[in-house]
């Protein structure tokens, strides 16, 4: 991983070594909570003490931070808490540092998706929208409403699952199966691969539906109006249709370049369209770094 990062840094010739990175996965906890604190100076202590009941690991092994969402006259304060295992955080930071970069901001992939959505779809912020990123090893779902990530869910299934199925059924190496999967998204493919893609698309749709069903059952928030799909596996043919039919909600690919201009001499329209689904998290992080 470090060698790949070093090669990338060398190739793009970064002007600044300061970077914004993001965490995700089972070592990350995001929790919206309400605490009653008469004195605002005691807020952090109260939040961290209350948070310990939600942590699946030793509090001494955790790094925590929070953001105040609102504070009422009765001293009830609505906050969003983020907690990460210190060992995982340190490993991320060490990996980036060894490439010569300096991680100045550490975000989460969920909040990066929210940033990319809010910047590119400013007219829709009053609606509750599910932004879904289907990556190599996980499906990340964040429901955003009025500038708040009201629900997050990370499910450990992703594009590598489809690659493994292609590898097994066609007796290929993992690398060849991945190449066939990616090329099949734009070119013709064997019927067996097409069938596997449809089966996996249905599995992805089921997982997204489970996440949103849990949100609807456990939250008093606004119902989701529509779904935006991102991540490499969002490019699987007909996936949007599978998700739309399973959820009964309008579904489309996210466009993180919707309101972002680019130099057509450097990037063609076809290239931007091709990378758009996988660019949501990086664009969200770039926006966070730029705002800083």
C-alpha atoms as a PDB file:
ATOM      1  CA  UNK A   1       0.000   0.000   0.000  1.00  0.00           C
ATOM      2  CA  UNK A   2       2.771   2.453   0.904  1.00  0.00           C
ATOM      3  CA  UNK A   3       4.579   1.776  -2.376  1.00  0.00           C
ATOM      4  CA  UNK A   4       1.368   2.448  -4.320  1.00  0.00           C
ATOM      5  CA  UNK A   5       0.837   5.730  -2.466  1.00  0.00           C
ATOM      6  CA  UNK A   6       4.431   6.801  -3.083  1.00  0.00           C
ATOM      7  CA  UNK A   7       4.059   6.075  -6.799  1.00  0.00           C
ATOM      8  CA  UNK A   8       0.811   8.065  -6.943  1.00  0.00           C
ATOM      9  CA  UNK A   9       2.276  11.036  -5.076  1.00  0.00           C
ATOM     10  CA  UNK A  10       5.262  11.042  -7.416  1.00  0.00           C
ATOM     11  CA  UNK A  11       3.067  10.871 -10.515  1.00  0.00           C
ATOM     12  CA  UNK A  12       0.612  13.658  -9.667  1.00  0.00           C
ATOM     13  CA  UNK A  13       3.310  16.033  -8.390  1.00  0.00           C
ATOM     14  CA  UNK A  14       1.336  17.434  -5.450  1.00  0.00           C
ATOM     15  CA  UNK A  15       1.957  21.092  -4.658  1.00  0.00           C
ATOM     16  CA  UNK A  16       1.156  20.577  -0.978  1.00  0.00           C
ATOM     17  CA  UNK A  17       2.008  17.668   1.282  1.00  0.00           C
ATOM     18  CA  UNK A  18      -0.958  18.405   3.569  1.00  0.00           C
ATOM     19  CA  UNK A  19      -3.793  15.920   2.984  1.00  0.00           C
ATOM     20  CA  UNK A  20      -7.241  14.994   4.261  1.00  0.00           C
ATOM     21  CA  UNK A  21      -7.819  11.276   4.864  1.00  0.00           C
ATOM     22  CA  UNK A  22     -10.884   9.282   5.905  1.00  0.00           C
ATOM     23  CA  UNK A  23     -11.697   6.296   8.099  1.00  0.00           C
ATOM     24  CA  UNK A  24     -14.387   3.659   7.624  1.00  0.00           C
ATOM     25  CA  UNK A  25     -15.079   0.096   8.672  1.00  0.00           C
ATOM     26  CA  UNK A  26     -15.878  -1.746  11.887  1.00  0.00           C
ATOM     27  CA  UNK A  27     -13.291   0.179  13.904  1.00  0.00           C
ATOM     28  CA  UNK A  28     -15.343   3.362  13.453  1.00  0.00           C
ATOM     29  CA  UNK A  29     -18.414   4.312  15.516  1.00  0.00           C
ATOM     30  CA  UNK A  30     -20.728   7.190  14.550  1.00  0.00           C
ATOM     31  CA  UNK A  31     -23.529   7.901  17.008  1.00  0.00           C
ATOM     32  CA  UNK A  32     -26.051  10.715  17.272  1.00  0.00           C
ATOM     33  CA  UNK A  33     -26.909  11.320  20.910  1.00  0.00           C
ATOM     34  CA  UNK A  34     -28.512  13.822  23.283  1.00  0.00           C
ATOM     35  CA  UNK A  35     -26.952  14.829  26.597  1.00  0.00           C
ATOM     36  CA  UNK A  36     -28.339  17.168  29.242  1.00  0.00           C
ATOM     37  CA  UNK A  37     -25.599  19.481  30.493  1.00  0.00           C
ATOM     38  CA  UNK A  38     -26.417  22.663  32.457  1.00  0.00           C
ATOM     39  CA  UNK A  39     -22.896  24.028  32.047  1.00  0.00           C
ATOM     40  CA  UNK A  40     -21.565  23.983  28.500  1.00  0.00           C
ATOM     41  CA  UNK A  41     -18.027  23.689  29.857  1.00  0.00           C
ATOM     42  CA  UNK A  42     -18.889  20.186  31.060  1.00  0.00           C
ATOM     43  CA  UNK A  43     -20.167  19.095  27.654  1.00  0.00           C
ATOM     44  CA  UNK A  44     -17.137  17.124  26.468  1.00  0.00           C
ATOM     45  CA  UNK A  45     -16.788  15.204  29.725  1.00  0.00           C
ATOM     46  CA  UNK A  46     -20.501  14.329  29.697  1.00  0.00           C
ATOM     47  CA  UNK A  47     -20.432  13.231  26.053  1.00  0.00           C
ATOM     48  CA  UNK A  48     -17.397  11.005  26.483  1.00  0.00           C
ATOM     49  CA  UNK A  49     -18.793   9.482  29.686  1.00  0.00           C
ATOM     50  CA  UNK A  50     -22.149   8.792  27.992  1.00  0.00           C
ATOM     51  CA  UNK A  51     -20.423   7.450  24.880  1.00  0.00           C
ATOM     52  CA  UNK A  52     -18.692   4.602  26.714  1.00  0.00           C
ATOM     53  CA  UNK A  53     -21.898   2.557  26.753  1.00  0.00           C
ATOM     54  CA  UNK A  54     -21.970   2.519  22.947  1.00  0.00           C
ATOM     55  CA  UNK A  55     -18.358   1.443  22.439  1.00  0.00           C
ATOM     56  CA  UNK A  56     -17.714  -2.230  21.588  1.00  0.00           C
ATOM     57  CA  UNK A  57     -14.087  -1.882  22.712  1.00  0.00           C
ATOM     58  CA  UNK A  58     -12.094  -0.566  25.662  1.00  0.00           C
ATOM     59  CA  UNK A  59     -12.561   3.234  25.957  1.00  0.00           C
ATOM     60  CA  UNK A  60      -8.831   3.529  26.635  1.00  0.00           C
ATOM     61  CA  UNK A  61      -8.189   2.220  23.114  1.00  0.00           C
ATOM     62  CA  UNK A  62     -10.425   4.805  21.450  1.00  0.00           C
ATOM     63  CA  UNK A  63     -10.045   8.313  20.059  1.00  0.00           C
ATOM     64  CA  UNK A  64     -13.255  10.348  20.215  1.00  0.00           C
ATOM     65  CA  UNK A  65     -14.526  13.647  18.864  1.00  0.00           C
ATOM     66  CA  UNK A  66     -17.940  15.263  18.509  1.00  0.00           C
ATOM     67  CA  UNK A  67     -19.872  18.030  16.798  1.00  0.00           C
ATOM     68  CA  UNK A  68     -22.725  19.951  18.424  1.00  0.00           C
ATOM     69  CA  UNK A  69     -25.840  19.911  16.236  1.00  0.00           C
ATOM     70  CA  UNK A  70     -28.188  21.936  18.452  1.00  0.00           C
ATOM     71  CA  UNK A  71     -28.713  23.042  22.057  1.00  0.00           C
ATOM     72  CA  UNK A  72     -32.145  23.650  23.566  1.00  0.00           C
ATOM     73  CA  UNK A  73     -33.223  25.924  26.416  1.00  0.00           C
ATOM     74  CA  UNK A  74     -33.652  22.891  28.694  1.00  0.00           C
ATOM     75  CA  UNK A  75     -29.892  22.239  28.358  1.00  0.00           C
ATOM     76  CA  UNK A  76     -30.401  19.198  26.156  1.00  0.00           C
ATOM     77  CA  UNK A  77     -27.645  19.169  23.562  1.00  0.00           C
ATOM     78  CA  UNK A  78     -27.857  17.156  20.362  1.00  0.00           C
ATOM     79  CA  UNK A  79     -24.431  15.978  19.186  1.00  0.00           C
ATOM     80  CA  UNK A  80     -22.897  13.563  16.739  1.00  0.00           C
ATOM     81  CA  UNK A  81     -20.086  11.479  18.197  1.00  0.00           C
ATOM     82  CA  UNK A  82     -17.277   9.838  16.228  1.00  0.00           C
ATOM     83  CA  UNK A  83     -15.043   7.235  17.842  1.00  0.00           C
ATOM     84  CA  UNK A  84     -12.247   5.220  16.255  1.00  0.00           C
ATOM     85  CA  UNK A  85      -9.849   2.577  17.537  1.00  0.00           C
ATOM     86  CA  UNK A  86      -6.550   4.276  18.220  1.00  0.00           C
ATOM     87  CA  UNK A  87      -4.529   1.404  16.705  1.00  0.00           C
ATOM     88  CA  UNK A  88      -6.395   1.647  13.392  1.00  0.00           C
ATOM     89  CA  UNK A  89      -6.150   5.437  13.317  1.00  0.00           C
ATOM     90  CA  UNK A  90      -2.418   5.305  14.049  1.00  0.00           C
ATOM     91  CA  UNK A  91      -1.909   2.716  11.284  1.00  0.00           C
ATOM     92  CA  UNK A  92      -3.675   4.973   8.754  1.00  0.00           C
ATOM     93  CA  UNK A  93      -1.647   8.005   9.801  1.00  0.00           C
ATOM     94  CA  UNK A  94       1.648   6.073   9.771  1.00  0.00           C
ATOM     95  CA  UNK A  95       0.916   4.723   6.287  1.00  0.00           C
ATOM     96  CA  UNK A  96       0.268   8.197   4.897  1.00  0.00           C
ATOM     97  CA  UNK A  97       3.186   9.765   6.743  1.00  0.00           C
ATOM     98  CA  UNK A  98       5.631   7.226   5.341  1.00  0.00           C
ATOM     99  CA  UNK A  99       4.840   8.490   1.837  1.00  0.00           C
ATOM    100  CA  UNK A 100       5.979  11.983   2.803  1.00  0.00           C
ATOM    101  CA  UNK A 101       2.460  13.361   3.160  1.00  0.00           C
ATOM    102  CA  UNK A 102       1.063  15.107   6.235  1.00  0.00           C
ATOM    103  CA  UNK A 103      -2.474  14.107   7.300  1.00  0.00           C
ATOM    104  CA  UNK A 104      -3.825  17.397   8.654  1.00  0.00           C
ATOM    105  CA  UNK A 105      -7.509  16.409   8.638  1.00  0.00           C
ATOM    106  CA  UNK A 106      -8.940  13.004   9.537  1.00  0.00           C
ATOM    107  CA  UNK A 107     -12.547  12.634   8.424  1.00  0.00           C
ATOM    108  CA  UNK A 108     -14.897   9.707   7.821  1.00  0.00           C
ATOM    109  CA  UNK A 109     -15.985   8.381   4.437  1.00  0.00           C
ATOM    110  CA  UNK A 110     -19.620   8.929   5.439  1.00  0.00           C
ATOM    111  CA  UNK A 111     -19.067  12.648   5.999  1.00  0.00           C
ATOM    112  CA  UNK A 112     -17.078  12.866   2.763  1.00  0.00           C
ATOM    113  CA  UNK A 113     -20.078  11.435   0.893  1.00  0.00           C
ATOM    114  CA  UNK A 114     -22.276  14.000   2.618  1.00  0.00           C
ATOM    115  CA  UNK A 115     -19.928  16.842   1.603  1.00  0.00           C
ATOM    116  CA  UNK A 116     -19.903  15.725  -2.033  1.00  0.00           C
ATOM    117  CA  UNK A 117     -23.699  15.444  -2.073  1.00  0.00           C
ATOM    118  CA  UNK A 118     -24.441  18.793  -0.421  1.00  0.00           C
ATOM    119  CA  UNK A 119     -21.994  20.689  -2.633  1.00  0.00           C
ATOM    120  CA  UNK A 120     -23.321  19.193  -5.850  1.00  0.00           C
ATOM    121  CA  UNK A 121     -27.060  19.043  -5.089  1.00  0.00           C
ATOM    122  CA  UNK A 122     -27.713  22.275  -3.128  1.00  0.00           C
ATOM    123  CA  UNK A 123     -31.353  22.540  -4.214  1.00  0.00           C
ATOM    124  CA  UNK A 124     -32.306  19.242  -2.568  1.00  0.00           C
ATOM    125  CA  UNK A 125     -31.008  19.695   0.980  1.00  0.00           C
ATOM    126  CA  UNK A 126     -34.482  19.887   2.564  1.00  0.00           C
ATOM    127  CA  UNK A 127     -35.143  16.309   1.472  1.00  0.00           C
ATOM    128  CA  UNK A 128     -33.814  13.213   3.213  1.00  0.00           C
ATOM    129  CA  UNK A 129     -31.495  11.523   0.716  1.00  0.00           C
ATOM    130  CA  UNK A 130     -29.585   8.235   0.955  1.00  0.00           C
ATOM    131  CA  UNK A 131     -26.079   8.447  -0.483  1.00  0.00           C
ATOM    132  CA  UNK A 132     -24.698   4.939  -1.002  1.00  0.00           C
ATOM    133  CA  UNK A 133     -21.098   4.033  -1.813  1.00  0.00           C
ATOM    134  CA  UNK A 134     -20.540   0.448  -2.985  1.00  0.00           C
ATOM    135  CA  UNK A 135     -16.810  -0.094  -2.720  1.00  0.00           C
ATOM    136  CA  UNK A 136     -14.558  -3.109  -3.023  1.00  0.00           C
ATOM    137  CA  UNK A 137     -15.275  -4.521   0.430  1.00  0.00           C
ATOM    138  CA  UNK A 138     -18.232  -2.611   1.878  1.00  0.00           C
ATOM    139  CA  UNK A 139     -21.466  -0.744   1.253  1.00  0.00           C
ATOM    140  CA  UNK A 140     -21.623   2.579   3.056  1.00  0.00           C
ATOM    141  CA  UNK A 141     -25.014   4.257   3.477  1.00  0.00           C
ATOM    142  CA  UNK A 142     -25.504   7.755   4.849  1.00  0.00           C
ATOM    143  CA  UNK A 143     -28.917   9.419   5.073  1.00  0.00           C
ATOM    144  CA  UNK A 144     -28.546  13.196   4.955  1.00  0.00           C
ATOM    145  CA  UNK A 145     -31.289  15.643   5.912  1.00  0.00           C
ATOM    146  CA  UNK A 146     -30.970  19.393   6.405  1.00  0.00           C
ATOM    147  CA  UNK A 147     -27.191  19.206   6.642  1.00  0.00           C
ATOM    148  CA  UNK A 148     -27.119  16.405   9.216  1.00  0.00           C
ATOM    149  CA  UNK A 149     -26.004  12.780   8.686  1.00  0.00           C
ATOM    150  CA  UNK A 150     -29.024  11.349  10.489  1.00  0.00           C
ATOM    151  CA  UNK A 151     -28.104   7.700   9.829  1.00  0.00           C
ATOM    152  CA  UNK A 152     -25.009   5.738   8.805  1.00  0.00           C
ATOM    153  CA  UNK A 153     -24.500   2.061   8.042  1.00  0.00           C
ATOM    154  CA  UNK A 154     -21.435   0.094   6.920  1.00  0.00           C
ATOM    155  CA  UNK A 155     -22.086  -3.420   5.557  1.00  0.00           C
ATOM    156  CA  UNK A 156     -19.180  -5.739   4.776  1.00  0.00           C
ATOM    157  CA  UNK A 157     -20.054  -6.741   1.228  1.00  0.00           C
ATOM    158  CA  UNK A 158     -18.796  -5.130  -1.956  1.00  0.00           C
ATOM    159  CA  UNK A 159     -17.379  -5.480  -5.413  1.00  0.00           C
ATOM    160  CA  UNK A 160     -14.776  -8.046  -4.377  1.00  0.00           C
ATOM    161  CA  UNK A 161     -17.639 -10.440  -3.651  1.00  0.00           C
ATOM    162  CA  UNK A 162     -18.646 -10.283  -7.312  1.00  0.00           C
ATOM    163  CA  UNK A 163     -15.039 -10.744  -8.431  1.00  0.00           C
ATOM    164  CA  UNK A 164     -14.762 -13.834  -6.231  1.00  0.00           C
ATOM    165  CA  UNK A 165     -17.925 -15.315  -7.748  1.00  0.00           C
ATOM    166  CA  UNK A 166     -16.640 -14.726 -11.292  1.00  0.00           C
ATOM    167  CA  UNK A 167     -13.301 -16.252 -10.300  1.00  0.00           C
ATOM    168  CA  UNK A 168     -14.981 -19.350  -8.879  1.00  0.00           C
ATOM    169  CA  UNK A 169     -17.500 -19.956 -11.675  1.00  0.00           C
ATOM    170  CA  UNK A 170     -15.110 -19.338 -14.579  1.00  0.00           C
ATOM    171  CA  UNK A 171     -12.012 -20.823 -12.927  1.00  0.00           C
ATOM    172  CA  UNK A 172      -9.989 -17.618 -13.356  1.00  0.00           C
ATOM    173  CA  UNK A 173      -7.352 -15.870 -11.301  1.00  0.00           C
ATOM    174  CA  UNK A 174      -8.663 -13.073  -9.101  1.00  0.00           C
ATOM    175  CA  UNK A 175      -6.868 -10.527 -11.293  1.00  0.00           C
ATOM    176  CA  UNK A 176      -8.403 -11.901 -14.517  1.00  0.00           C
ATOM    177  CA  UNK A 177     -11.837 -12.050 -12.882  1.00  0.00           C
ATOM    178  CA  UNK A 178     -11.522  -8.405 -11.827  1.00  0.00           C
ATOM    179  CA  UNK A 179     -10.482  -7.398 -15.343  1.00  0.00           C
ATOM    180  CA  UNK A 180     -13.447  -9.270 -16.826  1.00  0.00           C
ATOM    181  CA  UNK A 181     -15.816  -7.639 -14.345  1.00  0.00           C
ATOM    182  CA  UNK A 182     -14.589  -4.110 -15.067  1.00  0.00           C
ATOM    183  CA  UNK A 183     -14.444  -4.522 -18.839  1.00  0.00           C
ATOM    184  CA  UNK A 184     -17.886  -6.112 -18.809  1.00  0.00           C
ATOM    185  CA  UNK A 185     -19.372  -2.912 -17.380  1.00  0.00           C
ATOM    186  CA  UNK A 186     -18.840  -1.168 -20.710  1.00  0.00           C
ATOM    187  CA  UNK A 187     -18.374  -3.996 -23.237  1.00  0.00           C
ATOM    188  CA  UNK A 188     -20.047  -7.293 -23.939  1.00  0.00           C
ATOM    189  CA  UNK A 189     -19.610 -10.134 -21.476  1.00  0.00           C
ATOM    190  CA  UNK A 190     -20.307 -13.868 -21.250  1.00  0.00           C
ATOM    191  CA  UNK A 191     -23.865 -14.706 -20.217  1.00  0.00           C
ATOM    192  CA  UNK A 192     -22.590 -16.386 -17.045  1.00  0.00           C
ATOM    193  CA  UNK A 193     -20.874 -13.162 -15.983  1.00  0.00           C
ATOM    194  CA  UNK A 194     -24.022 -11.181 -16.789  1.00  0.00           C
ATOM    195  CA  UNK A 195     -26.070 -13.552 -14.639  1.00  0.00           C
ATOM    196  CA  UNK A 196     -23.596 -13.208 -11.759  1.00  0.00           C
ATOM    197  CA  UNK A 197     -23.726  -9.413 -12.038  1.00  0.00           C
ATOM    198  CA  UNK A 198     -27.521  -9.495 -11.868  1.00  0.00           C
ATOM    199  CA  UNK A 199     -27.418 -11.799  -8.853  1.00  0.00           C
ATOM    200  CA  UNK A 200     -24.912  -9.581  -7.046  1.00  0.00           C
ATOM    201  CA  UNK A 201     -26.895  -6.466  -7.969  1.00  0.00           C
ATOM    202  CA  UNK A 202     -29.900  -8.027  -6.288  1.00  0.00           C
ATOM    203  CA  UNK A 203     -27.759  -8.815  -3.210  1.00  0.00           C
ATOM    204  CA  UNK A 204     -26.540  -5.214  -3.076  1.00  0.00           C
ATOM    205  CA  UNK A 205     -30.112  -3.943  -3.419  1.00  0.00           C
ATOM    206  CA  UNK A 206     -31.235  -6.207  -0.563  1.00  0.00           C
ATOM    207  CA  UNK A 207     -28.477  -4.873   1.724  1.00  0.00           C
ATOM    208  CA  UNK A 208     -29.343  -1.262   0.909  1.00  0.00           C
ATOM    209  CA  UNK A 209     -33.024  -1.982   1.576  1.00  0.00           C
ATOM    210  CA  UNK A 210     -32.162  -3.568   4.937  1.00  0.00           C
ATOM    211  CA  UNK A 211     -30.208  -0.466   5.909  1.00  0.00           C
ATOM    212  CA  UNK A 212     -33.028   1.903   4.963  1.00  0.00           C
ATOM    213  CA  UNK A 213     -35.672  -0.346   6.542  1.00  0.00           C
ATOM    214  CA  UNK A 214     -33.725  -0.120   9.809  1.00  0.00           C
ATOM    215  CA  UNK A 215     -33.529   3.660   9.446  1.00  0.00           C
ATOM    216  CA  UNK A 216     -37.279   3.894   8.892  1.00  0.00           C
ATOM    217  CA  UNK A 217     -38.021   1.602  11.842  1.00  0.00           C
ATOM    218  CA  UNK A 218     -35.619   3.136  14.351  1.00  0.00           C
ATOM    219  CA  UNK A 219     -35.729   6.819  13.437  1.00  0.00           C
ATOM    220  CA  UNK A 220     -38.344   9.540  13.611  1.00  0.00           C
ATOM    221  CA  UNK A 221     -36.569  11.342  10.784  1.00  0.00           C
ATOM    222  CA  UNK A 222     -38.003  12.197   7.396  1.00  0.00           C
ATOM    223  CA  UNK A 223     -38.466   9.314   4.939  1.00  0.00           C
ATOM    224  CA  UNK A 224     -35.845   9.006   2.222  1.00  0.00           C
ATOM    225  CA  UNK A 225     -36.906  10.713  -1.017  1.00  0.00           C
ATOM    226  CA  UNK A 226     -34.367   9.165  -3.368  1.00  0.00           C
ATOM    227  CA  UNK A 227     -31.055   7.287  -3.544  1.00  0.00           C
ATOM    228  CA  UNK A 228     -27.707   8.300  -5.048  1.00  0.00           C
ATOM    229  CA  UNK A 229     -25.288   5.467  -5.854  1.00  0.00           C
ATOM    230  CA  UNK A 230     -21.508   5.790  -5.913  1.00  0.00           C
ATOM    231  CA  UNK A 231     -18.453   3.575  -5.664  1.00  0.00           C
ATOM    232  CA  UNK A 232     -16.833   1.346  -8.253  1.00  0.00           C
ATOM    233  CA  UNK A 233     -19.582  -1.261  -8.185  1.00  0.00           C
ATOM    234  CA  UNK A 234     -22.246   1.385  -8.824  1.00  0.00           C
ATOM    235  CA  UNK A 235     -21.172   1.088 -12.463  1.00  0.00           C
ATOM    236  CA  UNK A 236     -22.503  -2.483 -12.716  1.00  0.00           C
ATOM    237  CA  UNK A 237     -25.077  -2.486 -15.534  1.00  0.00           C
ATOM    238  CA  UNK A 238     -28.690  -2.225 -14.317  1.00  0.00           C
ATOM    239  CA  UNK A 239     -27.729  -1.863 -10.640  1.00  0.00           C
ATOM    240  CA  UNK A 240     -29.689   1.392 -10.334  1.00  0.00           C
ATOM    241  CA  UNK A 241     -32.754  -0.382 -11.702  1.00  0.00           C
ATOM    242  CA  UNK A 242     -32.375  -3.259  -9.216  1.00  0.00           C
ATOM    243  CA  UNK A 243     -32.100  -0.824  -6.288  1.00  0.00           C
ATOM    244  CA  UNK A 244     -34.992   1.325  -7.504  1.00  0.00           C
ATOM    245  CA  UNK A 245     -37.278  -1.691  -7.887  1.00  0.00           C
ATOM    246  CA  UNK A 246     -36.273  -3.162  -4.513  1.00  0.00           C
ATOM    247  CA  UNK A 247     -36.680   0.093  -2.587  1.00  0.00           C
ATOM    248  CA  UNK A 248     -39.467   1.701  -4.573  1.00  0.00           C
ATOM    249  CA  UNK A 249     -37.427   4.920  -4.605  1.00  0.00           C
ATOM    250  CA  UNK A 250     -35.926   6.939  -7.481  1.00  0.00           C
ATOM    251  CA  UNK A 251     -32.284   5.886  -7.836  1.00  0.00           C
ATOM    252  CA  UNK A 252     -29.471   7.279  -9.923  1.00  0.00           C
ATOM    253  CA  UNK A 253     -25.666   7.455 -10.024  1.00  0.00           C
ATOM    254  CA  UNK A 254     -24.188  10.276  -7.967  1.00  0.00           C
ATOM    255  CA  UNK A 255     -22.347  12.966  -9.892  1.00  0.00           C
ATOM    256  CA  UNK A 256     -19.694  14.592  -7.656  1.00  0.00           C
ATOM    257  CA  UNK A 257     -18.817  16.917 -10.568  1.00  0.00           C
ATOM    258  CA  UNK A 258     -22.355  18.258 -10.896  1.00  0.00           C
ATOM    259  CA  UNK A 259     -21.358  21.788  -9.864  1.00  0.00           C
ATOM    260  CA  UNK A 260     -17.575  21.445 -10.117  1.00  0.00           C
ATOM    261  CA  UNK A 261     -15.881  22.895 -13.180  1.00  0.00           C
ATOM    262  CA  UNK A 262     -12.866  21.280 -14.817  1.00  0.00           C
ATOM    263  CA  UNK A 263     -10.468  22.056 -17.634  1.00  0.00           C
ATOM    264  CA  UNK A 264     -11.684  20.212 -20.762  1.00  0.00           C
ATOM    265  CA  UNK A 265      -8.146  20.376 -22.086  1.00  0.00           C
ATOM    266  CA  UNK A 266      -7.063  18.165 -19.192  1.00  0.00           C
ATOM    267  CA  UNK A 267     -10.143  15.960 -18.745  1.00  0.00           C
ATOM    268  CA  UNK A 268     -12.582  14.810 -21.394  1.00  0.00           C
ATOM    269  CA  UNK A 269     -16.302  14.630 -20.702  1.00  0.00           C
ATOM    270  CA  UNK A 270     -16.211  10.851 -21.182  1.00  0.00           C
ATOM    271  CA  UNK A 271     -13.425  10.523 -18.625  1.00  0.00           C
ATOM    272  CA  UNK A 272     -15.272  12.618 -16.043  1.00  0.00           C
ATOM    273  CA  UNK A 273     -18.440  10.583 -16.633  1.00  0.00           C
ATOM    274  CA  UNK A 274     -16.472   7.337 -16.238  1.00  0.00           C
ATOM    275  CA  UNK A 275     -14.804   8.226 -12.940  1.00  0.00           C
ATOM    276  CA  UNK A 276     -17.765  10.102 -11.395  1.00  0.00           C
ATOM    277  CA  UNK A 277     -19.190   7.169  -9.373  1.00  0.00           C
ATOM    278  CA  UNK A 278     -15.829   6.378  -7.745  1.00  0.00           C
ATOM    279  CA  UNK A 279     -14.938  10.020  -7.096  1.00  0.00           C
ATOM    280  CA  UNK A 280     -17.574  10.903  -4.488  1.00  0.00           C
ATOM    281  CA  UNK A 281     -15.439  10.173  -1.413  1.00  0.00           C
ATOM    282  CA  UNK A 282     -12.246  11.813  -2.805  1.00  0.00           C
ATOM    283  CA  UNK A 283     -14.198  14.890  -3.900  1.00  0.00           C
ATOM    284  CA  UNK A 284     -15.850  15.088  -0.483  1.00  0.00           C
ATOM    285  CA  UNK A 285     -12.457  14.989   1.209  1.00  0.00           C
ATOM    286  CA  UNK A 286     -11.051  17.614  -1.163  1.00  0.00           C
ATOM    287  CA  UNK A 287     -13.998  19.886  -0.374  1.00  0.00           C
ATOM    288  CA  UNK A 288     -13.377  19.423   3.358  1.00  0.00           C
ATOM    289  CA  UNK A 289      -9.691  20.240   2.941  1.00  0.00           C
ATOM    290  CA  UNK A 290     -10.532  23.261   0.800  1.00  0.00           C
ATOM    291  CA  UNK A 291     -13.021  24.557   3.348  1.00  0.00           C
ATOM    292  CA  UNK A 292     -10.353  24.279   6.000  1.00  0.00           C
END
